[in-house]
Amino acid sequence: LSTDSAGRVVTKPFSPEESRVEGYIALTSTSVTTLVAAAGAGLRNYITDISLANTGATTTLVTFKDGAGSVLGYTIAPTVSGSNLPGLVTPIRTGANATFDIQAGSNTSTLYATVKGFKAP
C-alpha cells in the first residue's frame, strides 16, 4: 500500500515499478530485432505502449513477435510521422520467458521504436 503526503492511497496501474520494462531502438534493416529482453522464468512481457517514428520516404509494415517467433501484432509506420498506436487497451503479451521483437517490412532511413510495459506471470 502506498500513500501520498496527504494520506491518500496511490494506485499504480498494472504492476509495481520494479516490473516495468522498456525498449528503445533505431532500425535501418528488415532483420528481426529484440526490443525487450525475456522477462525471466515463468514471466511474460506485457507491452502497453508503442511509439514509432519513420524518417524514411517509404511507409512500412511493422511486425511484433516474441522470441519463439509467434506473431503478436502488426502496425503501419507512416512516412515522416508518428505511429498509429497511441495506446493499447489490451497489452500485447509474449510467451513465457520470451523476448519482444520488432521487424520492419521494408528498408527505411531509420525507424525509431519505443515500447513500454511490465513483466508478470
N, C-alpha and C. Protein backbone atom coordinates (compact mmCIF):
# COMPACT_ATOMS: atom_id res chain seq x y z
N LEU A 1 0.84 -1.17 0.00
CA LEU A 1 0.00 0.00 0.00
C LEU A 1 0.89 1.23 0.00
N SER A 2 0.57 2.17 -0.87
CA SER A 2 1.34 3.40 -0.97
C SER A 2 0.40 4.59 -0.82
N THR A 3 0.88 5.63 -0.13
CA THR A 3 0.07 6.83 0.06
C THR A 3 0.88 8.06 -0.31
N ASP A 4 0.16 9.15 -0.62
CA ASP A 4 0.84 10.41 -0.89
C ASP A 4 0.99 11.20 0.42
N SER A 5 1.48 12.42 0.34
CA SER A 5 1.74 13.21 1.55
C SER A 5 0.47 13.56 2.32
N ALA A 6 -0.70 13.49 1.68
CA ALA A 6 -1.97 13.78 2.36
C ALA A 6 -2.63 12.51 2.89
N GLY A 7 -1.98 11.36 2.70
CA GLY A 7 -2.53 10.10 3.19
C GLY A 7 -3.47 9.41 2.23
N ARG A 8 -3.62 9.93 1.02
CA ARG A 8 -4.48 9.30 0.02
C ARG A 8 -3.78 8.09 -0.57
N VAL A 9 -4.52 7.03 -0.85
CA VAL A 9 -3.95 5.82 -1.43
C VAL A 9 -3.58 6.08 -2.88
N VAL A 10 -2.35 5.70 -3.25
CA VAL A 10 -1.86 5.84 -4.61
C VAL A 10 -1.97 4.48 -5.29
N THR A 11 -2.63 4.45 -6.43
CA THR A 11 -2.78 3.21 -7.18
C THR A 11 -2.01 3.33 -8.49
N LYS A 12 -1.15 2.37 -8.75
CA LYS A 12 -0.40 2.33 -10.00
C LYS A 12 -1.00 1.24 -10.87
N PRO A 13 -1.38 1.56 -12.11
CA PRO A 13 -1.99 0.53 -12.96
C PRO A 13 -1.00 -0.58 -13.31
N PHE A 14 -1.51 -1.76 -13.48
CA PHE A 14 -0.80 -2.93 -13.96
C PHE A 14 0.11 -3.61 -12.94
N SER A 15 1.18 -2.95 -12.50
CA SER A 15 2.19 -3.66 -11.71
C SER A 15 3.09 -2.68 -10.96
N PRO A 16 3.89 -3.20 -10.01
CA PRO A 16 4.83 -2.33 -9.30
C PRO A 16 5.94 -1.83 -10.22
N GLU A 17 6.58 -0.75 -9.83
CA GLU A 17 7.64 -0.13 -10.64
C GLU A 17 8.77 -1.11 -10.98
N GLU A 18 9.07 -2.04 -10.08
CA GLU A 18 10.15 -3.00 -10.33
C GLU A 18 9.85 -3.92 -11.51
N SER A 19 8.59 -4.01 -11.91
CA SER A 19 8.20 -4.88 -13.02
C SER A 19 8.16 -4.15 -14.36
N ARG A 20 8.47 -2.89 -14.36
CA ARG A 20 8.42 -2.09 -15.59
C ARG A 20 9.46 -2.56 -16.60
N VAL A 21 9.08 -2.62 -17.88
CA VAL A 21 10.02 -2.93 -18.96
C VAL A 21 9.92 -1.84 -20.02
N GLU A 22 11.04 -1.55 -20.66
CA GLU A 22 11.11 -0.54 -21.71
C GLU A 22 12.09 -0.98 -22.77
N GLY A 23 11.86 -0.54 -23.98
CA GLY A 23 12.79 -0.82 -25.06
C GLY A 23 12.82 0.34 -26.04
N TYR A 24 14.02 0.67 -26.51
CA TYR A 24 14.21 1.76 -27.47
C TYR A 24 15.17 1.27 -28.54
N ILE A 25 14.88 1.58 -29.80
CA ILE A 25 15.76 1.12 -30.87
C ILE A 25 15.64 2.02 -32.08
N ALA A 26 16.70 2.08 -32.87
CA ALA A 26 16.70 2.75 -34.17
C ALA A 26 17.04 1.68 -35.20
N LEU A 27 16.06 1.31 -36.03
CA LEU A 27 16.26 0.25 -37.03
C LEU A 27 16.56 0.83 -38.39
N THR A 28 17.46 0.17 -39.12
CA THR A 28 17.74 0.56 -40.50
C THR A 28 17.70 -0.66 -41.42
N SER A 29 17.23 -1.80 -40.91
CA SER A 29 17.17 -3.02 -41.72
C SER A 29 15.84 -3.72 -41.50
N THR A 30 15.67 -4.85 -42.18
CA THR A 30 14.44 -5.64 -42.03
C THR A 30 14.67 -6.88 -41.17
N SER A 31 15.75 -6.93 -40.45
CA SER A 31 16.04 -8.07 -39.56
C SER A 31 15.14 -8.05 -38.34
N VAL A 32 14.81 -9.23 -37.81
CA VAL A 32 14.09 -9.33 -36.54
C VAL A 32 15.06 -8.87 -35.45
N THR A 33 14.63 -7.90 -34.64
CA THR A 33 15.50 -7.31 -33.62
C THR A 33 14.78 -7.30 -32.28
N THR A 34 15.50 -7.72 -31.22
CA THR A 34 14.92 -7.74 -29.88
C THR A 34 14.79 -6.32 -29.35
N LEU A 35 13.59 -6.01 -28.87
CA LEU A 35 13.31 -4.69 -28.31
C LEU A 35 13.24 -4.73 -26.79
N VAL A 36 12.74 -5.84 -26.22
CA VAL A 36 12.67 -6.04 -24.78
C VAL A 36 13.18 -7.44 -24.47
N ALA A 37 14.09 -7.55 -23.52
CA ALA A 37 14.67 -8.84 -23.15
C ALA A 37 13.60 -9.76 -22.55
N ALA A 38 13.90 -11.04 -22.52
CA ALA A 38 13.00 -12.02 -21.90
C ALA A 38 12.78 -11.64 -20.44
N ALA A 39 11.57 -11.86 -19.95
CA ALA A 39 11.18 -11.43 -18.61
C ALA A 39 11.74 -12.31 -17.50
N GLY A 40 12.06 -13.55 -17.80
CA GLY A 40 12.56 -14.48 -16.79
C GLY A 40 11.67 -15.70 -16.70
N ALA A 41 12.16 -16.71 -16.01
CA ALA A 41 11.42 -17.97 -15.89
C ALA A 41 10.02 -17.75 -15.32
N GLY A 42 9.01 -18.25 -16.04
CA GLY A 42 7.64 -18.16 -15.59
C GLY A 42 6.99 -16.80 -15.78
N LEU A 43 7.71 -15.83 -16.36
CA LEU A 43 7.18 -14.48 -16.56
C LEU A 43 7.01 -14.16 -18.04
N ARG A 44 6.12 -13.23 -18.32
CA ARG A 44 5.87 -12.76 -19.68
C ARG A 44 6.02 -11.24 -19.71
N ASN A 45 6.33 -10.71 -20.88
CA ASN A 45 6.31 -9.26 -21.09
C ASN A 45 4.92 -8.86 -21.56
N TYR A 46 4.38 -7.81 -20.99
CA TYR A 46 3.11 -7.24 -21.40
C TYR A 46 3.40 -5.83 -21.90
N ILE A 47 3.24 -5.59 -23.19
CA ILE A 47 3.55 -4.29 -23.78
C ILE A 47 2.28 -3.45 -23.83
N THR A 48 2.31 -2.29 -23.18
CA THR A 48 1.12 -1.43 -23.08
C THR A 48 1.20 -0.19 -23.96
N ASP A 49 2.40 0.24 -24.34
CA ASP A 49 2.57 1.46 -25.13
C ASP A 49 3.61 1.25 -26.20
N ILE A 50 3.30 1.68 -27.42
CA ILE A 50 4.22 1.58 -28.55
C ILE A 50 4.21 2.91 -29.28
N SER A 51 5.40 3.39 -29.61
CA SER A 51 5.53 4.61 -30.40
C SER A 51 6.53 4.35 -31.50
N LEU A 52 6.18 4.72 -32.74
CA LEU A 52 7.07 4.55 -33.88
C LEU A 52 7.25 5.88 -34.59
N ALA A 53 8.44 6.11 -35.10
CA ALA A 53 8.70 7.28 -35.94
C ALA A 53 9.52 6.80 -37.14
N ASN A 54 9.03 7.05 -38.34
CA ASN A 54 9.66 6.60 -39.57
C ASN A 54 10.24 7.81 -40.29
N THR A 55 11.57 7.89 -40.39
CA THR A 55 12.21 9.03 -41.04
C THR A 55 12.34 8.83 -42.55
N GLY A 56 12.00 7.64 -43.04
CA GLY A 56 12.16 7.34 -44.46
C GLY A 56 11.00 7.82 -45.31
N ALA A 57 11.17 7.66 -46.62
CA ALA A 57 10.16 8.07 -47.58
C ALA A 57 9.20 6.93 -47.93
N THR A 58 9.41 5.76 -47.31
CA THR A 58 8.58 4.59 -47.60
C THR A 58 7.78 4.20 -46.36
N THR A 59 6.46 4.13 -46.50
CA THR A 59 5.62 3.61 -45.43
C THR A 59 5.94 2.12 -45.30
N THR A 60 6.06 1.63 -44.07
CA THR A 60 6.44 0.23 -43.89
C THR A 60 5.54 -0.48 -42.89
N LEU A 61 5.33 -1.76 -43.15
CA LEU A 61 4.62 -2.61 -42.20
C LEU A 61 5.59 -3.00 -41.10
N VAL A 62 5.15 -2.92 -39.86
CA VAL A 62 5.99 -3.31 -38.72
C VAL A 62 5.33 -4.51 -38.05
N THR A 63 6.12 -5.56 -37.84
CA THR A 63 5.63 -6.78 -37.21
C THR A 63 6.24 -6.92 -35.83
N PHE A 64 5.40 -7.26 -34.84
CA PHE A 64 5.86 -7.52 -33.49
C PHE A 64 5.80 -9.02 -33.26
N LYS A 65 6.87 -9.60 -32.72
CA LYS A 65 6.97 -11.04 -32.49
C LYS A 65 7.51 -11.29 -31.10
N ASP A 66 7.37 -12.54 -30.64
CA ASP A 66 8.09 -12.90 -29.42
C ASP A 66 9.26 -13.79 -29.80
N GLY A 67 10.11 -14.09 -28.84
CA GLY A 67 11.33 -14.86 -29.10
C GLY A 67 11.09 -16.23 -29.67
N ALA A 68 9.89 -16.76 -29.54
CA ALA A 68 9.55 -18.06 -30.11
C ALA A 68 9.13 -17.93 -31.57
N GLY A 69 9.08 -16.70 -32.10
CA GLY A 69 8.71 -16.48 -33.49
C GLY A 69 7.23 -16.26 -33.71
N SER A 70 6.44 -16.30 -32.66
CA SER A 70 5.00 -16.07 -32.80
C SER A 70 4.74 -14.61 -33.15
N VAL A 71 3.87 -14.37 -34.12
CA VAL A 71 3.48 -13.01 -34.48
C VAL A 71 2.49 -12.51 -33.45
N LEU A 72 2.79 -11.36 -32.85
CA LEU A 72 1.93 -10.80 -31.80
C LEU A 72 1.08 -9.64 -32.31
N GLY A 73 1.47 -9.03 -33.42
CA GLY A 73 0.68 -7.92 -33.95
C GLY A 73 1.40 -7.20 -35.07
N TYR A 74 0.66 -6.31 -35.73
CA TYR A 74 1.18 -5.52 -36.84
C TYR A 74 0.75 -4.07 -36.67
N THR A 75 1.49 -3.18 -37.30
CA THR A 75 1.06 -1.80 -37.46
C THR A 75 1.76 -1.25 -38.70
N ILE A 76 1.34 -0.09 -39.13
CA ILE A 76 1.97 0.60 -40.26
C ILE A 76 2.72 1.80 -39.70
N ALA A 77 3.97 1.98 -40.13
CA ALA A 77 4.76 3.16 -39.76
C ALA A 77 4.70 4.13 -40.93
N PRO A 78 3.86 5.17 -40.85
CA PRO A 78 3.74 6.12 -41.95
C PRO A 78 5.04 6.89 -42.17
N THR A 79 5.22 7.40 -43.36
CA THR A 79 6.44 8.17 -43.65
C THR A 79 6.45 9.49 -42.91
N VAL A 80 7.60 9.86 -42.44
CA VAL A 80 7.88 11.14 -41.79
C VAL A 80 6.78 11.57 -40.81
N SER A 81 6.34 10.61 -39.98
CA SER A 81 5.37 10.97 -38.94
C SER A 81 5.37 9.91 -37.86
N GLY A 82 4.47 10.00 -36.92
CA GLY A 82 4.44 9.11 -35.77
C GLY A 82 3.66 7.84 -36.02
N SER A 83 3.48 7.10 -34.97
CA SER A 83 2.81 5.82 -35.01
C SER A 83 1.31 5.98 -35.06
N ASN A 84 0.64 4.93 -35.49
CA ASN A 84 -0.81 4.91 -35.41
C ASN A 84 -1.27 4.08 -34.21
N LEU A 85 -0.40 3.89 -33.23
CA LEU A 85 -0.71 3.16 -31.99
C LEU A 85 -0.57 4.10 -30.80
N PRO A 86 -1.54 4.97 -30.54
CA PRO A 86 -1.40 5.92 -29.45
C PRO A 86 -1.42 5.29 -28.06
N GLY A 87 -1.99 4.13 -27.91
CA GLY A 87 -2.05 3.42 -26.63
C GLY A 87 -2.87 2.16 -26.81
N LEU A 88 -2.52 1.14 -26.11
CA LEU A 88 -3.22 -0.14 -26.25
C LEU A 88 -4.17 -0.35 -25.08
N VAL A 89 -5.38 -0.76 -25.37
CA VAL A 89 -6.34 -1.06 -24.31
C VAL A 89 -6.01 -2.41 -23.68
N THR A 90 -5.67 -3.38 -24.50
CA THR A 90 -5.26 -4.70 -24.03
C THR A 90 -3.78 -4.87 -24.33
N PRO A 91 -2.93 -5.14 -23.34
CA PRO A 91 -1.50 -5.28 -23.59
C PRO A 91 -1.19 -6.43 -24.54
N ILE A 92 -0.12 -6.28 -25.32
CA ILE A 92 0.41 -7.37 -26.14
C ILE A 92 1.23 -8.25 -25.21
N ARG A 93 0.99 -9.57 -25.22
CA ARG A 93 1.64 -10.49 -24.28
C ARG A 93 2.56 -11.46 -25.02
N THR A 94 3.80 -11.56 -24.57
CA THR A 94 4.74 -12.52 -25.14
C THR A 94 4.52 -13.89 -24.50
N GLY A 95 5.18 -14.89 -25.05
CA GLY A 95 5.20 -16.19 -24.40
C GLY A 95 6.03 -16.11 -23.13
N ALA A 96 5.97 -17.16 -22.33
CA ALA A 96 6.74 -17.19 -21.08
C ALA A 96 8.23 -17.13 -21.39
N ASN A 97 8.95 -16.26 -20.68
CA ASN A 97 10.39 -16.08 -20.80
C ASN A 97 10.82 -15.84 -22.24
N ALA A 98 10.04 -15.06 -22.99
CA ALA A 98 10.35 -14.77 -24.39
C ALA A 98 10.61 -13.28 -24.56
N THR A 99 11.45 -12.96 -25.53
CA THR A 99 11.74 -11.57 -25.85
C THR A 99 10.57 -10.94 -26.60
N PHE A 100 10.55 -9.60 -26.68
CA PHE A 100 9.61 -8.88 -27.52
C PHE A 100 10.42 -8.30 -28.66
N ASP A 101 10.12 -8.73 -29.89
CA ASP A 101 10.92 -8.38 -31.06
C ASP A 101 10.13 -7.53 -32.04
N ILE A 102 10.88 -6.83 -32.89
CA ILE A 102 10.30 -5.96 -33.91
C ILE A 102 10.97 -6.26 -35.25
N GLN A 103 10.19 -6.10 -36.34
CA GLN A 103 10.74 -6.30 -37.68
C GLN A 103 10.05 -5.34 -38.64
N ALA A 104 10.85 -4.54 -39.35
CA ALA A 104 10.31 -3.64 -40.37
C ALA A 104 10.12 -4.44 -41.65
N GLY A 105 9.02 -4.15 -42.38
CA GLY A 105 8.71 -4.87 -43.60
C GLY A 105 9.54 -4.43 -44.79
N SER A 106 10.06 -3.20 -44.76
CA SER A 106 10.90 -2.69 -45.84
C SER A 106 11.97 -1.79 -45.26
N ASN A 107 13.06 -1.63 -46.01
CA ASN A 107 14.13 -0.76 -45.55
C ASN A 107 13.65 0.68 -45.52
N THR A 108 14.08 1.40 -44.52
CA THR A 108 13.75 2.80 -44.37
C THR A 108 14.99 3.51 -43.86
N SER A 109 15.04 4.83 -43.98
CA SER A 109 16.21 5.56 -43.48
C SER A 109 16.47 5.14 -42.04
N THR A 110 15.55 5.45 -41.15
CA THR A 110 15.62 4.99 -39.76
C THR A 110 14.20 4.87 -39.23
N LEU A 111 13.92 3.75 -38.61
CA LEU A 111 12.64 3.54 -37.94
C LEU A 111 12.94 3.51 -36.44
N TYR A 112 12.43 4.49 -35.71
CA TYR A 112 12.63 4.56 -34.27
C TYR A 112 11.43 3.90 -33.59
N ALA A 113 11.71 3.05 -32.62
CA ALA A 113 10.64 2.38 -31.88
C ALA A 113 10.89 2.51 -30.39
N THR A 114 9.81 2.78 -29.67
CA THR A 114 9.84 2.84 -28.21
C THR A 114 8.66 2.02 -27.72
N VAL A 115 8.92 1.10 -26.78
CA VAL A 115 7.83 0.33 -26.18
C VAL A 115 7.99 0.36 -24.67
N LYS A 116 6.85 0.31 -23.98
CA LYS A 116 6.86 0.27 -22.52
C LYS A 116 5.80 -0.71 -22.06
N GLY A 117 6.00 -1.28 -20.90
CA GLY A 117 5.05 -2.23 -20.36
C GLY A 117 5.52 -2.76 -19.03
N PHE A 118 5.20 -4.01 -18.76
CA PHE A 118 5.57 -4.63 -17.50
C PHE A 118 5.75 -6.12 -17.69
N LYS A 119 6.40 -6.77 -16.72
CA LYS A 119 6.55 -8.22 -16.73
C LYS A 119 5.76 -8.79 -15.56
N ALA A 120 5.11 -9.91 -15.82
CA ALA A 120 4.27 -10.57 -14.82
C ALA A 120 4.04 -12.01 -15.26
N PRO A 121 3.49 -12.84 -14.37
CA PRO A 121 3.19 -14.24 -14.77
C PRO A 121 2.14 -14.32 -15.87
